[in-house]
Amino acid sequence: MSDSTATGTPPPRHHDTREIILFGGVYGAVLASSMVAALTQYGHTSAAARGYDAAWVVVTALASALAHGYAHYVAERGPHRRRDVLLAVRDEWPLVAAVLPTAFLLAGAYWRWWPANGVEYAVFVLNVVILFGLGLVTARWSSRGWPAAVLTGLVDALLGMIVVLANALIK
């Protein structure tokens, strides 16, 4: 009988890589779009403002990853080793990775590689494509057929479209 069974607590749940990528990727892409929508809301679209936006998107993703990883650590019932908190935070890397394309587009506007005004639309399109791709790939990984995988991708992309529509309605 294992220690966790003897104490009545279930063993810690280990998330598989596909689950981590899907959850973190979707959360990160929606977070990035939401952040850009919020930061753009007041019309600060200069190159300097886009550099600030890029930094805030990355800082927010890192803070979210830390908080989410720590919440997973705390929520897992059962005995913990000291390094389990580090493993839980490490598993949030897809969240941070999903915001990096947005940060790159914003940083490119800051460096004047492209216009700073209107870059948020490219960010929204990119994140909708990322969401579609994550849904499609993870559905295929789960042995779903192509029609179901495309539908899953479309539903994930709908999350991004909701953020875009909310941004348009708020402005």
N, C-alpha and C. Protein backbone atom coordinates (compact mmCIF):
# COMPACT_ATOMS: atom_id res chain seq x y z
N MET A 1 0.85 -1.18 0.00
CA MET A 1 0.00 0.00 0.00
C MET A 1 0.89 1.23 0.00
N SER A 2 0.63 2.18 -0.89
CA SER A 2 1.48 3.37 -0.96
C SER A 2 1.14 4.34 0.16
N ASP A 3 2.05 5.29 0.41
CA ASP A 3 1.84 6.27 1.47
C ASP A 3 0.58 7.09 1.23
N SER A 4 0.35 7.47 -0.05
CA SER A 4 -0.81 8.32 -0.32
C SER A 4 -2.11 7.54 -0.13
N THR A 5 -2.12 6.23 -0.39
CA THR A 5 -3.31 5.42 -0.18
C THR A 5 -3.55 5.24 1.31
N ALA A 6 -2.48 5.06 2.06
CA ALA A 6 -2.60 4.87 3.51
C ALA A 6 -3.15 6.12 4.18
N THR A 7 -2.83 7.30 3.68
CA THR A 7 -3.30 8.55 4.30
C THR A 7 -4.64 9.00 3.74
N GLY A 8 -5.15 8.30 2.70
CA GLY A 8 -6.44 8.67 2.14
C GLY A 8 -6.38 9.77 1.10
N THR A 9 -5.19 10.20 0.73
CA THR A 9 -5.07 11.24 -0.29
C THR A 9 -4.59 10.62 -1.59
N PRO A 10 -5.12 11.10 -2.69
CA PRO A 10 -4.69 10.53 -3.97
C PRO A 10 -3.26 10.94 -4.29
N PRO A 11 -2.58 10.15 -5.10
CA PRO A 11 -1.22 10.53 -5.48
C PRO A 11 -1.26 11.78 -6.35
N PRO A 12 -0.16 12.56 -6.37
CA PRO A 12 -0.14 13.76 -7.21
C PRO A 12 -0.42 13.40 -8.67
N ARG A 13 -1.22 14.23 -9.32
CA ARG A 13 -1.56 14.00 -10.73
C ARG A 13 -0.50 14.64 -11.59
N HIS A 14 0.03 13.84 -12.51
CA HIS A 14 1.02 14.36 -13.44
C HIS A 14 0.34 14.60 -14.78
N HIS A 15 0.47 15.83 -15.28
CA HIS A 15 -0.16 16.20 -16.53
C HIS A 15 0.74 15.75 -17.68
N ASP A 16 0.11 15.24 -18.75
CA ASP A 16 0.94 14.83 -19.87
C ASP A 16 1.29 16.05 -20.72
N THR A 17 2.29 15.89 -21.57
CA THR A 17 2.84 16.99 -22.35
C THR A 17 1.79 17.61 -23.25
N ARG A 18 0.95 16.81 -23.88
CA ARG A 18 -0.08 17.34 -24.76
C ARG A 18 -1.05 18.23 -24.01
N GLU A 19 -1.45 17.80 -22.84
CA GLU A 19 -2.36 18.57 -22.01
C GLU A 19 -1.72 19.89 -21.60
N ILE A 20 -0.46 19.83 -21.21
CA ILE A 20 0.25 21.04 -20.80
C ILE A 20 0.35 22.02 -21.96
N ILE A 21 0.67 21.53 -23.15
CA ILE A 21 0.80 22.40 -24.32
C ILE A 21 -0.53 23.03 -24.67
N LEU A 22 -1.59 22.25 -24.69
CA LEU A 22 -2.90 22.79 -25.04
C LEU A 22 -3.35 23.83 -24.02
N PHE A 23 -3.36 23.48 -22.75
CA PHE A 23 -3.83 24.41 -21.73
C PHE A 23 -2.99 25.68 -21.70
N GLY A 24 -1.67 25.51 -21.65
CA GLY A 24 -0.79 26.67 -21.59
C GLY A 24 -0.84 27.50 -22.86
N GLY A 25 -0.87 26.84 -24.01
CA GLY A 25 -0.91 27.56 -25.27
C GLY A 25 -2.18 28.35 -25.46
N VAL A 26 -3.31 27.73 -25.15
CA VAL A 26 -4.59 28.45 -25.28
C VAL A 26 -4.64 29.60 -24.30
N TYR A 27 -4.27 29.34 -23.08
CA TYR A 27 -4.29 30.40 -22.06
C TYR A 27 -3.35 31.55 -22.45
N GLY A 28 -2.17 31.21 -22.93
CA GLY A 28 -1.20 32.24 -23.32
C GLY A 28 -1.66 33.06 -24.51
N ALA A 29 -2.24 32.42 -25.53
CA ALA A 29 -2.71 33.15 -26.71
C ALA A 29 -3.87 34.07 -26.36
N VAL A 30 -4.80 33.60 -25.54
CA VAL A 30 -5.92 34.44 -25.13
C VAL A 30 -5.42 35.56 -24.22
N LEU A 31 -4.50 35.25 -23.33
CA LEU A 31 -3.91 36.27 -22.46
C LEU A 31 -3.23 37.36 -23.28
N ALA A 32 -2.45 36.96 -24.28
CA ALA A 32 -1.73 37.94 -25.11
C ALA A 32 -2.70 38.85 -25.85
N SER A 33 -3.75 38.28 -26.43
CA SER A 33 -4.73 39.11 -27.14
C SER A 33 -5.45 40.05 -26.17
N SER A 34 -5.81 39.54 -25.01
CA SER A 34 -6.49 40.36 -24.01
C SER A 34 -5.60 41.51 -23.54
N MET A 35 -4.33 41.20 -23.31
CA MET A 35 -3.40 42.24 -22.87
C MET A 35 -3.24 43.33 -23.93
N VAL A 36 -3.07 42.94 -25.18
CA VAL A 36 -2.91 43.92 -26.25
C VAL A 36 -4.18 44.75 -26.39
N ALA A 37 -5.34 44.10 -26.29
CA ALA A 37 -6.59 44.85 -26.36
C ALA A 37 -6.68 45.87 -25.23
N ALA A 38 -6.32 45.46 -24.03
CA ALA A 38 -6.38 46.37 -22.89
C ALA A 38 -5.35 47.50 -23.02
N LEU A 39 -4.15 47.17 -23.45
CA LEU A 39 -3.11 48.19 -23.57
C LEU A 39 -3.36 49.15 -24.73
N THR A 40 -4.07 48.71 -25.74
CA THR A 40 -4.36 49.55 -26.91
C THR A 40 -5.62 50.39 -26.70
N GLN A 41 -6.43 50.01 -25.75
CA GLN A 41 -7.73 50.63 -25.55
C GLN A 41 -7.66 52.16 -25.46
N TYR A 42 -6.64 52.69 -24.86
CA TYR A 42 -6.56 54.13 -24.65
C TYR A 42 -5.82 54.86 -25.77
N GLY A 43 -5.57 54.17 -26.87
CA GLY A 43 -5.03 54.83 -28.05
C GLY A 43 -3.54 55.11 -28.03
N HIS A 44 -2.81 54.52 -27.12
CA HIS A 44 -1.36 54.69 -27.09
C HIS A 44 -0.74 53.72 -28.08
N THR A 45 -0.49 54.21 -29.28
CA THR A 45 -0.01 53.32 -30.34
C THR A 45 1.33 53.77 -30.91
N SER A 46 2.06 54.57 -30.17
CA SER A 46 3.39 54.99 -30.65
C SER A 46 4.36 53.82 -30.55
N ALA A 47 5.49 53.98 -31.21
CA ALA A 47 6.52 52.94 -31.15
C ALA A 47 6.98 52.72 -29.70
N ALA A 48 7.16 53.80 -28.96
CA ALA A 48 7.59 53.68 -27.56
C ALA A 48 6.55 52.92 -26.74
N ALA A 49 5.26 53.20 -26.98
CA ALA A 49 4.20 52.52 -26.25
C ALA A 49 4.20 51.03 -26.57
N ARG A 50 4.52 50.68 -27.81
CA ARG A 50 4.53 49.26 -28.20
C ARG A 50 5.67 48.52 -27.52
N GLY A 51 6.80 49.18 -27.26
CA GLY A 51 7.88 48.56 -26.50
C GLY A 51 7.44 48.28 -25.08
N TYR A 52 6.74 49.23 -24.50
CA TYR A 52 6.17 49.07 -23.16
C TYR A 52 5.17 47.92 -23.16
N ASP A 53 4.32 47.86 -24.19
CA ASP A 53 3.33 46.80 -24.31
C ASP A 53 4.00 45.42 -24.38
N ALA A 54 5.06 45.33 -25.18
CA ALA A 54 5.78 44.05 -25.32
C ALA A 54 6.31 43.59 -23.97
N ALA A 55 6.89 44.52 -23.23
CA ALA A 55 7.43 44.18 -21.91
C ALA A 55 6.32 43.71 -20.97
N TRP A 56 5.18 44.41 -20.98
CA TRP A 56 4.09 44.04 -20.09
C TRP A 56 3.47 42.70 -20.45
N VAL A 57 3.41 42.39 -21.73
CA VAL A 57 2.87 41.09 -22.14
C VAL A 57 3.76 39.97 -21.60
N VAL A 58 5.07 40.13 -21.70
CA VAL A 58 5.99 39.10 -21.21
C VAL A 58 5.95 39.02 -19.68
N VAL A 59 5.97 40.15 -19.00
CA VAL A 59 5.93 40.16 -17.54
C VAL A 59 4.64 39.52 -17.04
N THR A 60 3.53 39.85 -17.68
CA THR A 60 2.24 39.28 -17.27
C THR A 60 2.22 37.77 -17.50
N ALA A 61 2.78 37.32 -18.61
CA ALA A 61 2.84 35.87 -18.88
C ALA A 61 3.70 35.17 -17.84
N LEU A 62 4.83 35.75 -17.49
CA LEU A 62 5.69 35.13 -16.48
C LEU A 62 4.99 35.08 -15.12
N ALA A 63 4.33 36.18 -14.75
CA ALA A 63 3.60 36.20 -13.48
C ALA A 63 2.46 35.20 -13.49
N SER A 64 1.75 35.10 -14.61
CA SER A 64 0.66 34.13 -14.73
C SER A 64 1.18 32.70 -14.64
N ALA A 65 2.31 32.44 -15.29
CA ALA A 65 2.90 31.10 -15.25
C ALA A 65 3.31 30.74 -13.82
N LEU A 66 3.91 31.67 -13.12
CA LEU A 66 4.29 31.42 -11.73
C LEU A 66 3.06 31.14 -10.87
N ALA A 67 2.05 31.99 -11.01
CA ALA A 67 0.84 31.83 -10.21
C ALA A 67 0.11 30.54 -10.55
N HIS A 68 0.01 30.24 -11.82
CA HIS A 68 -0.70 29.03 -12.25
C HIS A 68 0.06 27.77 -11.81
N GLY A 69 1.37 27.77 -11.98
CA GLY A 69 2.17 26.63 -11.53
C GLY A 69 2.09 26.43 -10.03
N TYR A 70 2.16 27.52 -9.29
CA TYR A 70 2.07 27.43 -7.84
C TYR A 70 0.68 26.94 -7.42
N ALA A 71 -0.37 27.40 -8.11
CA ALA A 71 -1.72 26.95 -7.80
C ALA A 71 -1.86 25.44 -8.05
N HIS A 72 -1.25 24.94 -9.12
CA HIS A 72 -1.26 23.49 -9.36
C HIS A 72 -0.56 22.76 -8.22
N TYR A 73 0.56 23.29 -7.79
CA TYR A 73 1.32 22.67 -6.69
C TYR A 73 0.47 22.60 -5.42
N VAL A 74 -0.18 23.72 -5.09
CA VAL A 74 -0.98 23.78 -3.87
C VAL A 74 -2.21 22.88 -3.98
N ALA A 75 -2.81 22.83 -5.18
CA ALA A 75 -4.05 22.06 -5.36
C ALA A 75 -3.84 20.56 -5.34
N GLU A 76 -2.65 20.11 -5.66
CA GLU A 76 -2.37 18.67 -5.65
C GLU A 76 -2.36 18.18 -4.22
N ARG A 77 -3.22 17.23 -3.95
CA ARG A 77 -3.27 16.67 -2.60
C ARG A 77 -2.27 15.54 -2.51
N GLY A 78 -1.67 15.44 -1.40
CA GLY A 78 -0.72 14.37 -1.21
C GLY A 78 0.62 14.92 -0.80
N PRO A 79 1.53 14.04 -0.51
CA PRO A 79 2.85 14.49 -0.08
C PRO A 79 3.60 15.16 -1.24
N HIS A 80 4.35 16.16 -0.90
CA HIS A 80 5.13 16.90 -1.90
C HIS A 80 6.61 16.84 -1.55
N ARG A 81 7.38 16.81 -2.58
CA ARG A 81 8.81 17.02 -2.41
C ARG A 81 9.07 18.50 -2.64
N ARG A 82 10.17 19.00 -2.17
CA ARG A 82 10.47 20.42 -2.31
C ARG A 82 10.56 20.86 -3.76
N ARG A 83 11.05 19.99 -4.61
CA ARG A 83 11.23 20.38 -6.01
C ARG A 83 9.93 20.31 -6.81
N ASP A 84 8.84 19.78 -6.23
CA ASP A 84 7.57 19.68 -6.95
C ASP A 84 7.05 21.06 -7.36
N VAL A 85 7.27 22.07 -6.54
CA VAL A 85 6.82 23.41 -6.90
C VAL A 85 7.57 23.90 -8.15
N LEU A 86 8.85 23.59 -8.24
CA LEU A 86 9.62 23.98 -9.43
C LEU A 86 9.14 23.24 -10.67
N LEU A 87 8.81 21.97 -10.51
CA LEU A 87 8.30 21.19 -11.63
C LEU A 87 6.94 21.71 -12.08
N ALA A 88 6.10 22.11 -11.13
CA ALA A 88 4.78 22.65 -11.48
C ALA A 88 4.91 23.96 -12.24
N VAL A 89 5.83 24.81 -11.82
CA VAL A 89 6.06 26.08 -12.52
C VAL A 89 6.69 25.82 -13.89
N ARG A 90 7.61 24.88 -13.96
CA ARG A 90 8.25 24.55 -15.24
C ARG A 90 7.22 24.09 -16.27
N ASP A 91 6.20 23.40 -15.81
CA ASP A 91 5.17 22.89 -16.72
C ASP A 91 4.32 24.00 -17.34
N GLU A 92 4.51 25.23 -16.92
CA GLU A 92 3.75 26.35 -17.48
C GLU A 92 4.48 27.00 -18.66
N TRP A 93 5.55 26.40 -19.16
CA TRP A 93 6.32 27.02 -20.26
C TRP A 93 5.48 27.29 -21.50
N PRO A 94 4.46 26.47 -21.85
CA PRO A 94 3.69 26.79 -23.05
C PRO A 94 2.94 28.12 -22.94
N LEU A 95 2.53 28.49 -21.74
CA LEU A 95 1.87 29.78 -21.55
C LEU A 95 2.80 30.91 -21.96
N VAL A 96 4.02 30.86 -21.48
CA VAL A 96 5.00 31.90 -21.83
C VAL A 96 5.36 31.83 -23.31
N ALA A 97 5.55 30.63 -23.83
CA ALA A 97 5.89 30.48 -25.24
C ALA A 97 4.79 31.03 -26.15
N ALA A 98 3.53 30.89 -25.74
CA ALA A 98 2.41 31.34 -26.57
C ALA A 98 2.33 32.86 -26.66
N VAL A 99 2.89 33.59 -25.70
CA VAL A 99 2.84 35.06 -25.78
C VAL A 99 4.05 35.63 -26.52
N LEU A 100 5.07 34.84 -26.76
CA LEU A 100 6.28 35.36 -27.40
C LEU A 100 6.04 35.89 -28.82
N PRO A 101 5.21 35.25 -29.66
CA PRO A 101 4.95 35.86 -30.97
C PRO A 101 4.31 37.25 -30.86
N THR A 102 3.41 37.41 -29.90
CA THR A 102 2.80 38.73 -29.67
C THR A 102 3.85 39.73 -29.23
N ALA A 103 4.69 39.32 -28.30
CA ALA A 103 5.76 40.21 -27.83
C ALA A 103 6.69 40.58 -28.98
N PHE A 104 6.97 39.62 -29.86
CA PHE A 104 7.82 39.90 -31.02
C PHE A 104 7.18 40.93 -31.95
N LEU A 105 5.88 40.79 -32.23
CA LEU A 105 5.21 41.77 -33.09
C LEU A 105 5.23 43.16 -32.45
N LEU A 106 4.99 43.23 -31.17
CA LEU A 106 5.01 44.52 -30.48
C LEU A 106 6.42 45.10 -30.44
N ALA A 107 7.41 44.26 -30.18
CA ALA A 107 8.80 44.72 -30.16
C ALA A 107 9.22 45.18 -31.55
N GLY A 108 8.78 44.49 -32.60
CA GLY A 108 9.08 44.90 -33.96
C GLY A 108 8.52 46.28 -34.26
N ALA A 109 7.35 46.59 -33.73
CA ALA A 109 6.78 47.93 -33.89
C ALA A 109 7.61 48.95 -33.10
N TYR A 110 8.07 48.55 -31.94
CA TYR A 110 8.94 49.42 -31.14
C TYR A 110 10.24 49.72 -31.89
N TRP A 111 10.80 48.71 -32.55
CA TRP A 111 12.06 48.88 -33.29
C TRP A 111 11.83 49.46 -34.69
N ARG A 112 10.55 49.78 -34.98
CA ARG A 112 10.15 50.40 -36.25
C ARG A 112 10.36 49.49 -37.46
N TRP A 113 10.24 48.19 -37.26
CA TRP A 113 10.30 47.26 -38.38
C TRP A 113 9.00 47.32 -39.16
N TRP A 114 7.91 47.69 -38.50
CA TRP A 114 6.60 47.88 -39.11
C TRP A 114 5.87 48.93 -38.31
N PRO A 115 4.78 49.46 -38.85
CA PRO A 115 4.07 50.54 -38.15
C PRO A 115 3.53 50.11 -36.78
N ALA A 116 3.67 50.99 -35.82
CA ALA A 116 3.18 50.71 -34.47
C ALA A 116 1.66 50.83 -34.39
N ASN A 117 1.11 51.73 -35.18
CA ASN A 117 -0.33 51.94 -35.18
C ASN A 117 -0.99 50.83 -35.99
N GLY A 118 -1.83 50.05 -35.37
CA GLY A 118 -2.53 48.98 -36.05
C GLY A 118 -1.91 47.60 -35.89
N VAL A 119 -0.77 47.50 -35.21
CA VAL A 119 -0.13 46.20 -35.03
C VAL A 119 -1.02 45.25 -34.21
N GLU A 120 -1.94 45.82 -33.44
CA GLU A 120 -2.82 44.96 -32.64
C GLU A 120 -3.67 44.05 -33.51
N TYR A 121 -4.00 44.49 -34.72
CA TYR A 121 -4.80 43.64 -35.61
C TYR A 121 -4.00 42.42 -36.07
N ALA A 122 -2.73 42.64 -36.35
CA ALA A 122 -1.86 41.51 -36.70
C ALA A 122 -1.72 40.56 -35.51
N VAL A 123 -1.64 41.12 -34.30
CA VAL A 123 -1.56 40.31 -33.09
C VAL A 123 -2.81 39.45 -32.94
N PHE A 124 -3.98 40.05 -33.15
CA PHE A 124 -5.22 39.30 -33.01
C PHE A 124 -5.30 38.17 -34.03
N VAL A 125 -4.95 38.45 -35.27
CA VAL A 125 -4.98 37.41 -36.31
C VAL A 125 -3.99 36.30 -35.96
N LEU A 126 -2.79 36.67 -35.57
CA LEU A 126 -1.78 35.68 -35.21
C LEU A 126 -2.26 34.78 -34.09
N ASN A 127 -2.85 35.36 -33.06
CA ASN A 127 -3.30 34.56 -31.92
C ASN A 127 -4.49 33.68 -32.27
N VAL A 128 -5.36 34.13 -33.15
CA VAL A 128 -6.46 33.28 -33.61
C VAL A 128 -5.90 32.08 -34.38
N VAL A 129 -4.88 32.33 -35.20
CA VAL A 129 -4.24 31.24 -35.95
C VAL A 129 -3.54 30.28 -34.99
N ILE A 130 -2.88 30.81 -33.97
CA ILE A 130 -2.23 29.95 -32.97
C ILE A 130 -3.27 29.08 -32.26
N LEU A 131 -4.39 29.68 -31.88
CA LEU A 131 -5.44 28.92 -31.21
C LEU A 131 -6.00 27.82 -32.11
N PHE A 132 -6.23 28.15 -33.38
CA PHE A 132 -6.71 27.14 -34.32
C PHE A 132 -5.69 26.01 -34.44
N GLY A 133 -4.42 26.37 -34.59
CA GLY A 133 -3.37 25.36 -34.73
C GLY A 133 -3.25 24.47 -33.51
N LEU A 134 -3.33 25.05 -32.32
CA LEU A 134 -3.26 24.25 -31.09
C LEU A 134 -4.42 23.27 -31.01
N GLY A 135 -5.62 23.73 -31.32
CA GLY A 135 -6.78 22.84 -31.28
C GLY A 135 -6.66 21.71 -32.29
N LEU A 136 -6.22 22.06 -33.49
CA LEU A 136 -6.08 21.06 -34.55
C LEU A 136 -5.03 20.02 -34.20
N VAL A 137 -3.86 20.48 -33.79
CA VAL A 137 -2.75 19.56 -33.49
C VAL A 137 -3.07 18.67 -32.30
N THR A 138 -3.61 19.25 -31.24
CA THR A 138 -3.87 18.41 -30.06
C THR A 138 -5.01 17.43 -30.33
N ALA A 139 -5.97 17.82 -31.14
CA ALA A 139 -7.03 16.87 -31.50
C ALA A 139 -6.47 15.71 -32.33
N ARG A 140 -5.57 16.02 -33.24
CA ARG A 140 -4.94 14.95 -34.04
C ARG A 140 -4.07 14.07 -33.14
N TRP A 141 -3.34 14.66 -32.19
CA TRP A 141 -2.55 13.89 -31.24
C TRP A 141 -3.44 12.91 -30.47
N SER A 142 -4.70 13.32 -30.23
CA SER A 142 -5.65 12.49 -29.49
C SER A 142 -6.36 11.50 -30.39
N SER A 143 -5.85 11.31 -31.61
CA SER A 143 -6.39 10.34 -32.57
C SER A 143 -7.79 10.68 -33.06
N ARG A 144 -8.15 11.94 -33.02
CA ARG A 144 -9.42 12.34 -33.60
C ARG A 144 -9.25 12.47 -35.10
N GLY A 145 -10.31 12.24 -35.84
CA GLY A 145 -10.27 12.37 -37.29
C GLY A 145 -10.14 13.83 -37.70
N TRP A 146 -9.87 14.03 -38.98
CA TRP A 146 -9.68 15.40 -39.47
C TRP A 146 -10.90 16.30 -39.26
N PRO A 147 -12.12 15.84 -39.53
CA PRO A 147 -13.26 16.73 -39.29
C PRO A 147 -13.37 17.19 -37.83
N ALA A 148 -13.18 16.25 -36.91
CA ALA A 148 -13.25 16.60 -35.48
C ALA A 148 -12.08 17.51 -35.10
N ALA A 149 -10.90 17.27 -35.67
CA ALA A 149 -9.75 18.11 -35.36
C ALA A 149 -9.95 19.53 -35.86
N VAL A 150 -10.48 19.67 -37.07
CA VAL A 150 -10.74 21.01 -37.61
C VAL A 150 -11.80 21.72 -36.76
N LEU A 151 -12.81 20.99 -36.36
CA LEU A 151 -13.85 21.58 -35.51
C LEU A 151 -13.26 22.03 -34.17
N THR A 152 -12.40 21.22 -33.59
CA THR A 152 -11.74 21.60 -32.34
C THR A 152 -10.90 22.85 -32.54
N GLY A 153 -10.17 22.92 -33.64
CA GLY A 153 -9.39 24.11 -33.95
C GLY A 153 -10.27 25.34 -34.10
N LEU A 154 -11.40 25.17 -34.76
CA LEU A 154 -12.32 26.30 -34.94
C LEU A 154 -12.91 26.78 -33.61
N VAL A 155 -13.21 25.83 -32.73
CA VAL A 155 -13.74 26.22 -31.41
C VAL A 155 -12.66 26.97 -30.63
N ASP A 156 -11.42 26.50 -30.67
CA ASP A 156 -10.33 27.21 -30.01
C ASP A 156 -10.15 28.60 -30.61
N ALA A 157 -10.21 28.69 -31.93
CA ALA A 157 -10.07 29.99 -32.60
C ALA A 157 -11.21 30.93 -32.20
N LEU A 158 -12.37 30.36 -31.94
CA LEU A 158 -13.51 31.17 -31.50
C LEU A 158 -13.19 31.91 -30.20
N LEU A 159 -12.41 31.29 -29.32
CA LEU A 159 -11.98 31.98 -28.10
C LEU A 159 -11.24 33.27 -28.44
N GLY A 160 -10.35 33.18 -29.40
CA GLY A 160 -9.62 34.37 -29.83
C GLY A 160 -10.52 35.39 -30.47
N MET A 161 -11.48 34.93 -31.25
CA MET A 161 -12.42 35.85 -31.90
C MET A 161 -13.28 36.58 -30.87
N ILE A 162 -13.61 35.91 -29.78
CA ILE A 162 -14.39 36.57 -28.72
C ILE A 162 -13.60 37.75 -28.15
N VAL A 163 -12.30 37.56 -27.96
CA VAL A 163 -11.47 38.66 -27.47
C VAL A 163 -11.44 39.81 -28.49
N VAL A 164 -11.30 39.48 -29.77
CA VAL A 164 -11.28 40.50 -30.81
C VAL A 164 -12.61 41.25 -30.84
N LEU A 165 -13.71 40.52 -30.78
CA LEU A 165 -15.04 41.16 -30.79
C LEU A 165 -15.25 42.02 -29.54
N ALA A 166 -14.82 41.51 -28.41
CA ALA A 166 -14.95 42.29 -27.17
C ALA A 166 -14.14 43.57 -27.28
N ASN A 167 -12.96 43.50 -27.87
CA ASN A 167 -12.14 44.68 -28.04
C ASN A 167 -12.83 45.69 -28.95
N ALA A 168 -13.42 45.21 -30.04
CA ALA A 168 -14.12 46.11 -30.97
C ALA A 168 -15.32 46.76 -30.30
N LEU A 169 -16.05 46.00 -29.48
CA LEU A 169 -17.23 46.55 -28.81
C LEU A 169 -16.85 47.54 -27.72
N ILE A 170 -15.76 47.30 -27.03
CA ILE A 170 -15.32 48.18 -25.94
C ILE A 170 -14.84 49.52 -26.50
N LYS A 171 -14.16 49.48 -27.64
CA LYS A 171 -13.68 50.74 -28.24
C LYS A 171 -14.87 51.50 -28.71
